[in-house]
Amino acid sequence: MSRLLLLLIVCFFFGCDPVLEESEVPQVVRDSFTTKYPGATKIEWERENKEEYEVEFFIGDNKREALFN
């Protein structure tokens, strides 16, 4: 049981990128995304590193991902 708990803690801290509020993403990055993918829905932003943002979204029924910096 303790191994399972340890595994969950490690996955939580190292395996997950927290979802950002749209307001936490720089305006220039959001504008670039909107220009490139105007029909995107169900948009979720994550911070990959200090300078890069990942966005997951849908175009119709297709799930997509893109990186912006």
PDB file of N, CA and C in Angstrom:
ATOM      1  N   MET A   1       0.812  -1.192   0.000  1.00  0.00           N
ATOM      2  CA  MET A   1       0.000   0.000   0.000  1.00  0.00           C
ATOM      3  C   MET A   1       0.862   1.264   0.000  1.00  0.00           C
ATOM      4  N   SER A   2       1.950   1.259   0.785  1.00  0.00           N
ATOM      5  CA  SER A   2       2.807   2.442   0.838  1.00  0.00           C
ATOM      6  C   SER A   2       3.523   2.672  -0.494  1.00  0.00           C
ATOM      7  N   ARG A   3       3.813   1.606  -1.223  1.00  0.00           N
ATOM      8  CA  ARG A   3       4.442   1.769  -2.548  1.00  0.00           C
ATOM      9  C   ARG A   3       3.483   2.434  -3.524  1.00  0.00           C
ATOM     10  N   LEU A   4       2.235   2.075  -3.447  1.00  0.00           N
ATOM     11  CA  LEU A   4       1.230   2.691  -4.305  1.00  0.00           C
ATOM     12  C   LEU A   4       1.104   4.177  -4.008  1.00  0.00           C
ATOM     13  N   LEU A   5       1.084   4.521  -2.754  1.00  0.00           N
ATOM     14  CA  LEU A   5       1.009   5.925  -2.362  1.00  0.00           C
ATOM     15  C   LEU A   5       2.227   6.691  -2.858  1.00  0.00           C
ATOM     16  N   LEU A   6       3.408   6.111  -2.710  1.00  0.00           N
ATOM     17  CA  LEU A   6       4.631   6.751  -3.189  1.00  0.00           C
ATOM     18  C   LEU A   6       4.585   6.942  -4.705  1.00  0.00           C
ATOM     19  N   LEU A   7       4.119   5.943  -5.423  1.00  0.00           N
ATOM     20  CA  LEU A   7       4.003   6.036  -6.877  1.00  0.00           C
ATOM     21  C   LEU A   7       3.041   7.146  -7.273  1.00  0.00           C
ATOM     22  N   LEU A   8       1.927   7.250  -6.594  1.00  0.00           N
ATOM     23  CA  LEU A   8       0.969   8.312  -6.903  1.00  0.00           C
ATOM     24  C   LEU A   8       1.550   9.698  -6.635  1.00  0.00           C
ATOM     25  N   ILE A   9       2.297   9.829  -5.563  1.00  0.00           N
ATOM     26  CA  ILE A   9       2.920  11.116  -5.244  1.00  0.00           C
ATOM     27  C   ILE A   9       3.944  11.493  -6.313  1.00  0.00           C
ATOM     28  N   VAL A  10       4.771  10.548  -6.716  1.00  0.00           N
ATOM     29  CA  VAL A  10       5.778  10.809  -7.756  1.00  0.00           C
ATOM     30  C   VAL A  10       5.101  11.185  -9.061  1.00  0.00           C
ATOM     31  N   CYS A  11       4.073  10.458  -9.451  1.00  0.00           N
ATOM     32  CA  CYS A  11       3.352  10.774 -10.686  1.00  0.00           C
ATOM     33  C   CYS A  11       2.717  12.156 -10.620  1.00  0.00           C
ATOM     34  N   PHE A  12       2.208  12.501  -9.461  1.00  0.00           N
ATOM     35  CA  PHE A  12       1.577  13.801  -9.316  1.00  0.00           C
ATOM     36  C   PHE A  12       2.584  14.931  -9.507  1.00  0.00           C
ATOM     37  N   PHE A  13       3.747  14.828  -8.886  1.00  0.00           N
ATOM     38  CA  PHE A  13       4.725  15.908  -8.944  1.00  0.00           C
ATOM     39  C   PHE A  13       5.547  15.922 -10.222  1.00  0.00           C
ATOM     40  N   PHE A  14       5.803  14.781 -10.818  1.00  0.00           N
ATOM     41  CA  PHE A  14       6.689  14.739 -11.969  1.00  0.00           C
ATOM     42  C   PHE A  14       5.999  14.340 -13.266  1.00  0.00           C
ATOM     43  N   GLY A  15       4.829  13.796 -13.195  1.00  0.00           N
ATOM     44  CA  GLY A  15       4.179  13.296 -14.394  1.00  0.00           C
ATOM     45  C   GLY A  15       3.034  14.131 -14.895  1.00  0.00           C
ATOM     46  N   CYS A  16       2.695  15.189 -14.212  1.00  0.00           N
ATOM     47  CA  CYS A  16       1.540  15.980 -14.587  1.00  0.00           C
ATOM     48  C   CYS A  16       1.931  17.436 -14.765  1.00  0.00           C
ATOM     49  N   ASP A  17       1.438  18.019 -15.835  1.00  0.00           N
ATOM     50  CA  ASP A  17       1.588  19.456 -16.021  1.00  0.00           C
ATOM     51  C   ASP A  17       0.269  20.088 -15.595  1.00  0.00           C
ATOM     52  N   PRO A  18       0.308  21.025 -14.668  1.00  0.00           N
ATOM     53  CA  PRO A  18      -0.948  21.621 -14.215  1.00  0.00           C
ATOM     54  C   PRO A  18      -1.591  22.465 -15.317  1.00  0.00           C
ATOM     55  N   VAL A  19      -2.891  22.392 -15.388  1.00  0.00           N
ATOM     56  CA  VAL A  19      -3.635  23.182 -16.358  1.00  0.00           C
ATOM     57  C   VAL A  19      -3.626  24.634 -15.898  1.00  0.00           C
ATOM     58  N   LEU A  20      -3.373  25.528 -16.846  1.00  0.00           N
ATOM     59  CA  LEU A  20      -3.316  26.966 -16.549  1.00  0.00           C
ATOM     60  C   LEU A  20      -4.647  27.626 -16.880  1.00  0.00           C
ATOM     61  N   GLU A  21      -4.944  28.673 -16.171  1.00  0.00           N
ATOM     62  CA  GLU A  21      -6.058  29.542 -16.554  1.00  0.00           C
ATOM     63  C   GLU A  21      -5.622  30.295 -17.808  1.00  0.00           C
ATOM     64  N   GLU A  22      -6.548  30.617 -18.664  1.00  0.00           N
ATOM     65  CA  GLU A  22      -6.210  31.333 -19.892  1.00  0.00           C
ATOM     66  C   GLU A  22      -5.472  32.640 -19.590  1.00  0.00           C
ATOM     67  N   SER A  23      -5.848  33.298 -18.512  1.00  0.00           N
ATOM     68  CA  SER A  23      -5.222  34.572 -18.155  1.00  0.00           C
ATOM     69  C   SER A  23      -3.756  34.415 -17.742  1.00  0.00           C
ATOM     70  N   GLU A  24      -3.311  33.183 -17.444  1.00  0.00           N
ATOM     71  CA  GLU A  24      -1.922  32.926 -17.073  1.00  0.00           C
ATOM     72  C   GLU A  24      -1.009  32.752 -18.291  1.00  0.00           C
ATOM     73  N   VAL A  25      -1.604  32.659 -19.463  1.00  0.00           N
ATOM     74  CA  VAL A  25      -0.844  32.494 -20.707  1.00  0.00           C
ATOM     75  C   VAL A  25      -0.654  33.882 -21.312  1.00  0.00           C
ATOM     76  N   PRO A  26       0.564  34.222 -21.719  1.00  0.00           N
ATOM     77  CA  PRO A  26       0.796  35.555 -22.299  1.00  0.00           C
ATOM     78  C   PRO A  26      -0.132  35.834 -23.491  1.00  0.00           C
ATOM     79  N   GLN A  27      -0.581  37.062 -23.577  1.00  0.00           N
ATOM     80  CA  GLN A  27      -1.508  37.454 -24.638  1.00  0.00           C
ATOM     81  C   GLN A  27      -0.957  37.156 -26.027  1.00  0.00           C
ATOM     82  N   VAL A  28       0.324  37.383 -26.239  1.00  0.00           N
ATOM     83  CA  VAL A  28       0.912  37.146 -27.561  1.00  0.00           C
ATOM     84  C   VAL A  28       0.833  35.657 -27.938  1.00  0.00           C
ATOM     85  N   VAL A  29       0.960  34.769 -26.960  1.00  0.00           N
ATOM     86  CA  VAL A  29       0.859  33.333 -27.216  1.00  0.00           C
ATOM     87  C   VAL A  29      -0.588  32.974 -27.549  1.00  0.00           C
ATOM     88  N   ARG A  30      -1.529  33.500 -26.786  1.00  0.00           N
ATOM     89  CA  ARG A  30      -2.944  33.233 -27.055  1.00  0.00           C
ATOM     90  C   ARG A  30      -3.362  33.771 -28.421  1.00  0.00           C
ATOM     91  N   ASP A  31      -2.890  34.961 -28.771  1.00  0.00           N
ATOM     92  CA  ASP A  31      -3.224  35.539 -30.076  1.00  0.00           C
ATOM     93  C   ASP A  31      -2.673  34.687 -31.212  1.00  0.00           C
ATOM     94  N   SER A  32      -1.460  34.194 -31.059  1.00  0.00           N
ATOM     95  CA  SER A  32      -0.854  33.343 -32.077  1.00  0.00           C
ATOM     96  C   SER A  32      -1.657  32.059 -32.247  1.00  0.00           C
ATOM     97  N   PHE A  33      -2.071  31.464 -31.134  1.00  0.00           N
ATOM     98  CA  PHE A  33      -2.877  30.245 -31.191  1.00  0.00           C
ATOM     99  C   PHE A  33      -4.210  30.501 -31.894  1.00  0.00           C
ATOM    100  N   THR A  34      -4.898  31.574 -31.504  1.00  0.00           N
ATOM    101  CA  THR A  34      -6.206  31.884 -32.084  1.00  0.00           C
ATOM    102  C   THR A  34      -6.110  32.142 -33.584  1.00  0.00           C
ATOM    103  N   THR A  35      -5.024  32.775 -34.015  1.00  0.00           N
ATOM    104  CA  THR A  35      -4.821  33.033 -35.437  1.00  0.00           C
ATOM    105  C   THR A  35      -4.603  31.724 -36.204  1.00  0.00           C
ATOM    106  N   LYS A  36      -3.836  30.831 -35.634  1.00  0.00           N
ATOM    107  CA  LYS A  36      -3.507  29.577 -36.310  1.00  0.00           C
ATOM    108  C   LYS A  36      -4.651  28.565 -36.260  1.00  0.00           C
ATOM    109  N   TYR A  37      -5.412  28.543 -35.175  1.00  0.00           N
ATOM    110  CA  TYR A  37      -6.494  27.569 -34.984  1.00  0.00           C
ATOM    111  C   TYR A  37      -7.794  28.285 -34.598  1.00  0.00           C
ATOM    112  N   PRO A  38      -8.410  29.020 -35.534  1.00  0.00           N
ATOM    113  CA  PRO A  38      -9.592  29.825 -35.184  1.00  0.00           C
ATOM    114  C   PRO A  38     -10.814  29.002 -34.763  1.00  0.00           C
ATOM    115  N   GLY A  39     -10.913  27.749 -35.173  1.00  0.00           N
ATOM    116  CA  GLY A  39     -12.080  26.935 -34.840  1.00  0.00           C
ATOM    117  C   GLY A  39     -11.886  26.038 -33.636  1.00  0.00           C
ATOM    118  N   ALA A  40     -10.835  26.261 -32.860  1.00  0.00           N
ATOM    119  CA  ALA A  40     -10.512  25.382 -31.736  1.00  0.00           C
ATOM    120  C   ALA A  40     -11.548  25.499 -30.617  1.00  0.00           C
ATOM    121  N   THR A  41     -11.821  24.354 -29.977  1.00  0.00           N
ATOM    122  CA  THR A  41     -12.718  24.303 -28.824  1.00  0.00           C
ATOM    123  C   THR A  41     -12.068  23.473 -27.723  1.00  0.00           C
ATOM    124  N   LYS A  42     -12.663  23.495 -26.543  1.00  0.00           N
ATOM    125  CA  LYS A  42     -12.184  22.721 -25.383  1.00  0.00           C
ATOM    126  C   LYS A  42     -10.683  22.928 -25.168  1.00  0.00           C
ATOM    127  N   ILE A  43     -10.271  24.158 -25.053  1.00  0.00           N
ATOM    128  CA  ILE A  43      -8.859  24.553 -24.998  1.00  0.00           C
ATOM    129  C   ILE A  43      -8.325  24.440 -23.574  1.00  0.00           C
ATOM    130  N   GLU A  44      -7.200  23.747 -23.417  1.00  0.00           N
ATOM    131  CA  GLU A  44      -6.517  23.636 -22.127  1.00  0.00           C
ATOM    132  C   GLU A  44      -5.047  23.959 -22.300  1.00  0.00           C
ATOM    133  N   TRP A  45      -4.562  24.899 -21.507  1.00  0.00           N
ATOM    134  CA  TRP A  45      -3.163  25.322 -21.561  1.00  0.00           C
ATOM    135  C   TRP A  45      -2.368  24.683 -20.440  1.00  0.00           C
ATOM    136  N   GLU A  46      -1.117  24.329 -20.744  1.00  0.00           N
ATOM    137  CA  GLU A  46      -0.163  23.833 -19.750  1.00  0.00           C
ATOM    138  C   GLU A  46       1.171  24.503 -20.005  1.00  0.00           C
ATOM    139  N   ARG A  47       1.950  24.644 -18.961  1.00  0.00           N
ATOM    140  CA  ARG A  47       3.287  25.210 -19.108  1.00  0.00           C
ATOM    141  C   ARG A  47       4.289  24.064 -19.196  1.00  0.00           C
ATOM    142  N   GLU A  48       5.008  23.984 -20.297  1.00  0.00           N
ATOM    143  CA  GLU A  48       5.989  22.927 -20.505  1.00  0.00           C
ATOM    144  C   GLU A  48       7.300  23.236 -19.797  1.00  0.00           C
ATOM    145  N   ASN A  49       7.750  24.456 -19.924  1.00  0.00           N
ATOM    146  CA  ASN A  49       8.972  24.912 -19.276  1.00  0.00           C
ATOM    147  C   ASN A  49       8.896  26.428 -19.153  1.00  0.00           C
ATOM    148  N   LYS A  50      10.012  27.034 -18.856  1.00  0.00           N
ATOM    149  CA  LYS A  50      10.030  28.481 -18.601  1.00  0.00           C
ATOM    150  C   LYS A  50       9.535  29.320 -19.784  1.00  0.00           C
ATOM    151  N   GLU A  51       9.752  28.835 -21.002  1.00  0.00           N
ATOM    152  CA  GLU A  51       9.432  29.638 -22.186  1.00  0.00           C
ATOM    153  C   GLU A  51       8.424  29.007 -23.130  1.00  0.00           C
ATOM    154  N   GLU A  52       7.883  27.846 -22.799  1.00  0.00           N
ATOM    155  CA  GLU A  52       7.053  27.121 -23.757  1.00  0.00           C
ATOM    156  C   GLU A  52       5.717  26.712 -23.136  1.00  0.00           C
ATOM    157  N   TYR A  53       4.656  26.863 -23.920  1.00  0.00           N
ATOM    158  CA  TYR A  53       3.316  26.500 -23.484  1.00  0.00           C
ATOM    159  C   TYR A  53       2.768  25.431 -24.422  1.00  0.00           C
ATOM    160  N   GLU A  54       2.089  24.448 -23.836  1.00  0.00           N
ATOM    161  CA  GLU A  54       1.411  23.428 -24.632  1.00  0.00           C
ATOM    162  C   GLU A  54      -0.078  23.689 -24.522  1.00  0.00           C
ATOM    163  N   VAL A  55      -0.746  23.547 -25.644  1.00  0.00           N
ATOM    164  CA  VAL A  55      -2.192  23.705 -25.645  1.00  0.00           C
ATOM    165  C   VAL A  55      -2.807  22.445 -26.245  1.00  0.00           C
ATOM    166  N   GLU A  56      -3.814  21.911 -25.561  1.00  0.00           N
ATOM    167  CA  GLU A  56      -4.589  20.785 -26.053  1.00  0.00           C
ATOM    168  C   GLU A  56      -5.959  21.324 -26.409  1.00  0.00           C
ATOM    169  N   PHE A  57      -6.486  20.900 -27.559  1.00  0.00           N
ATOM    170  CA  PHE A  57      -7.746  21.455 -28.033  1.00  0.00           C
ATOM    171  C   PHE A  57      -8.376  20.502 -29.043  1.00  0.00           C
ATOM    172  N   PHE A  58      -9.591  20.810 -29.459  1.00  0.00           N
ATOM    173  CA  PHE A  58     -10.278  20.029 -30.459  1.00  0.00           C
ATOM    174  C   PHE A  58     -10.559  20.895 -31.677  1.00  0.00           C
ATOM    175  N   ILE A  59     -10.399  20.293 -32.845  1.00  0.00           N
ATOM    176  CA  ILE A  59     -10.884  20.845 -34.109  1.00  0.00           C
ATOM    177  C   ILE A  59     -11.919  19.827 -34.576  1.00  0.00           C
ATOM    178  N   GLY A  60     -13.168  20.191 -34.482  1.00  0.00           N
ATOM    179  CA  GLY A  60     -14.236  19.214 -34.731  1.00  0.00           C
ATOM    180  C   GLY A  60     -14.159  18.121 -33.680  1.00  0.00           C
ATOM    181  N   ASP A  61     -14.073  16.867 -34.129  1.00  0.00           N
ATOM    182  CA  ASP A  61     -13.977  15.728 -33.207  1.00  0.00           C
ATOM    183  C   ASP A  61     -12.541  15.280 -32.986  1.00  0.00           C
ATOM    184  N   ASN A  62     -11.583  15.965 -33.573  1.00  0.00           N
ATOM    185  CA  ASN A  62     -10.172  15.563 -33.500  1.00  0.00           C
ATOM    186  C   ASN A  62      -9.429  16.323 -32.413  1.00  0.00           C
ATOM    187  N   LYS A  63      -8.812  15.570 -31.498  1.00  0.00           N
ATOM    188  CA  LYS A  63      -8.014  16.186 -30.456  1.00  0.00           C
ATOM    189  C   LYS A  63      -6.634  16.534 -31.008  1.00  0.00           C
ATOM    190  N   ARG A  64      -6.175  17.722 -30.714  1.00  0.00           N
ATOM    191  CA  ARG A  64      -4.876  18.209 -31.192  1.00  0.00           C
ATOM    192  C   ARG A  64      -4.056  18.755 -30.042  1.00  0.00           C
ATOM    193  N   GLU A  65      -2.756  18.881 -30.286  1.00  0.00           N
ATOM    194  CA  GLU A  65      -1.822  19.520 -29.349  1.00  0.00           C
ATOM    195  C   GLU A  65      -0.907  20.431 -30.143  1.00  0.00           C
ATOM    196  N   ALA A  66      -0.473  21.513 -29.526  1.00  0.00           N
ATOM    197  CA  ALA A  66       0.472  22.409 -30.169  1.00  0.00           C
ATOM    198  C   ALA A  66       1.345  23.043 -29.087  1.00  0.00           C
ATOM    199  N   LEU A  67       2.559  23.401 -29.467  1.00  0.00           N
ATOM    200  CA  LEU A  67       3.498  24.081 -28.568  1.00  0.00           C
ATOM    201  C   LEU A  67       3.709  25.504 -29.072  1.00  0.00           C
ATOM    202  N   PHE A  68       3.738  26.444 -28.136  1.00  0.00           N
ATOM    203  CA  PHE A  68       3.982  27.839 -28.465  1.00  0.00           C
ATOM    204  C   PHE A  68       4.993  28.406 -27.480  1.00  0.00           C
ATOM    205  N   ASN A  69       5.793  29.370 -27.966  1.00  0.00           N
ATOM    206  CA  ASN A  69       6.728  30.065 -27.072  1.00  0.00           C
ATOM    207  C   ASN A  69       6.718  31.539 -27.369  1.00  0.00           C
TER     208      ASN A  69
END
